[in-house]
Protein backbone atom coordinates (compact mmCIF):
# COMPACT_ATOMS: atom_id res chain seq x y z
CA MET A 1 0.04 0.12 0.01
CA ARG A 2 1.14 3.38 -0.75
CA LYS A 3 1.62 6.01 2.22
CA ASN A 4 2.47 9.47 2.73
CA ALA A 5 0.44 10.99 -0.37
CA LYS A 6 1.14 14.40 -1.09
CA ILE A 7 -0.59 16.62 -3.67
CA ILE A 8 2.15 18.16 -5.86
CA ASN A 9 0.11 20.36 -8.41
CA ALA A 10 -3.57 20.60 -9.63
CA CYS A 11 -4.12 21.19 -13.68
CA LYS A 12 -7.29 22.84 -14.27
CA LYS A 13 -7.40 21.55 -18.18
CA ALA A 14 -5.89 18.16 -18.00
CA VAL A 15 -8.39 17.31 -21.03
CA GLU A 16 -10.26 19.44 -23.16
CA ILE A 17 -12.54 18.13 -25.87
CA LYS A 18 -14.28 21.00 -28.19
CA GLY A 19 -16.79 19.93 -31.04
CA THR A 20 -19.87 20.90 -32.61
CA VAL A 21 -23.19 20.49 -30.94
CA LYS A 22 -24.00 17.96 -33.72
CA GLU A 23 -20.83 16.36 -33.03
CA TRP A 24 -21.55 16.27 -29.04
CA GLU A 25 -24.96 14.50 -29.97
CA ALA A 26 -23.49 11.70 -31.94
CA TRP A 27 -20.91 11.35 -29.60
CA THR A 28 -23.33 10.98 -26.34
CA ASN A 29 -26.45 9.88 -28.46
CA MET A 30 -27.95 12.64 -26.44
CA LYS A 31 -29.88 15.90 -27.49
CA PHE A 32 -28.65 19.35 -26.30
CA PRO A 33 -31.62 21.47 -27.06
CA GLU A 34 -30.58 24.87 -25.51
CA SER A 35 -27.09 26.42 -23.99
CA GLY A 36 -26.43 25.16 -20.73
CA GLU A 37 -24.29 22.42 -18.71
CA TYR A 38 -25.30 18.55 -19.49
CA VAL A 39 -24.31 15.69 -17.41
CA VAL A 40 -23.10 13.01 -19.84
CA GLU A 41 -22.46 9.22 -18.30
CA GLY A 42 -19.29 8.33 -17.91
CA ALA A 43 -17.90 11.89 -17.58
CA LEU A 44 -16.39 13.23 -14.64
CA CYS A 45 -17.49 16.99 -15.20
CA PRO A 46 -20.24 18.59 -17.14
CA VAL A 47 -20.23 19.35 -20.80
CA VAL A 48 -20.60 22.78 -21.62
CA ILE A 49 -22.81 23.65 -24.54
CA ASP A 50 -23.13 26.96 -25.90
CA ARG A 51 -25.82 26.97 -28.91
CA GLU A 52 -25.03 30.30 -30.10
CA HIS A 53 -21.89 29.58 -30.92
CA ASN A 54 -22.41 25.78 -32.17
CA LEU A 55 -19.80 24.57 -29.74
CA GLY A 56 -19.88 21.97 -26.81
CA THR A 57 -16.79 22.04 -24.58
CA TYR A 58 -15.69 19.40 -21.96
CA ILE A 59 -13.04 20.57 -19.29
CA GLU A 60 -11.36 17.83 -17.15
CA PRO A 61 -9.04 18.69 -13.88
CA ASN A 62 -6.62 16.28 -12.73
CA VAL A 63 -4.32 16.31 -9.49
CA TRP A 64 -1.13 15.28 -9.57
CA ILE A 65 0.19 13.23 -6.37
CA SER A 66 3.44 12.08 -5.66
CA TYR A 67 3.34 8.95 -3.01
CA GLY A 68 7.43 9.05 -2.00
CA LYS A 69 8.87 5.66 -1.70
CA LEU A 70 6.98 2.77 -2.38
CA GLN A 71 6.18 0.60 0.61
CA ARG A 72 5.36 -3.21 0.35
CA GLU A 73 3.56 -4.95 2.97
């Protein structure tokens, strides 16, 4: 088991995926009738849909952790 975990840094945009509304509807098998945030199954964060600009954006953060020396039990 790893002990003494320490957060080194946070990355606000570890994953960023942009596509048209039509692309997001195809990728997710969902409909996005108006602008706003939508929960997509399996995603860690909502997808933000902007109908005015025909844009869907998904941004997923990440945290980098150091475990120091690995300890075996």
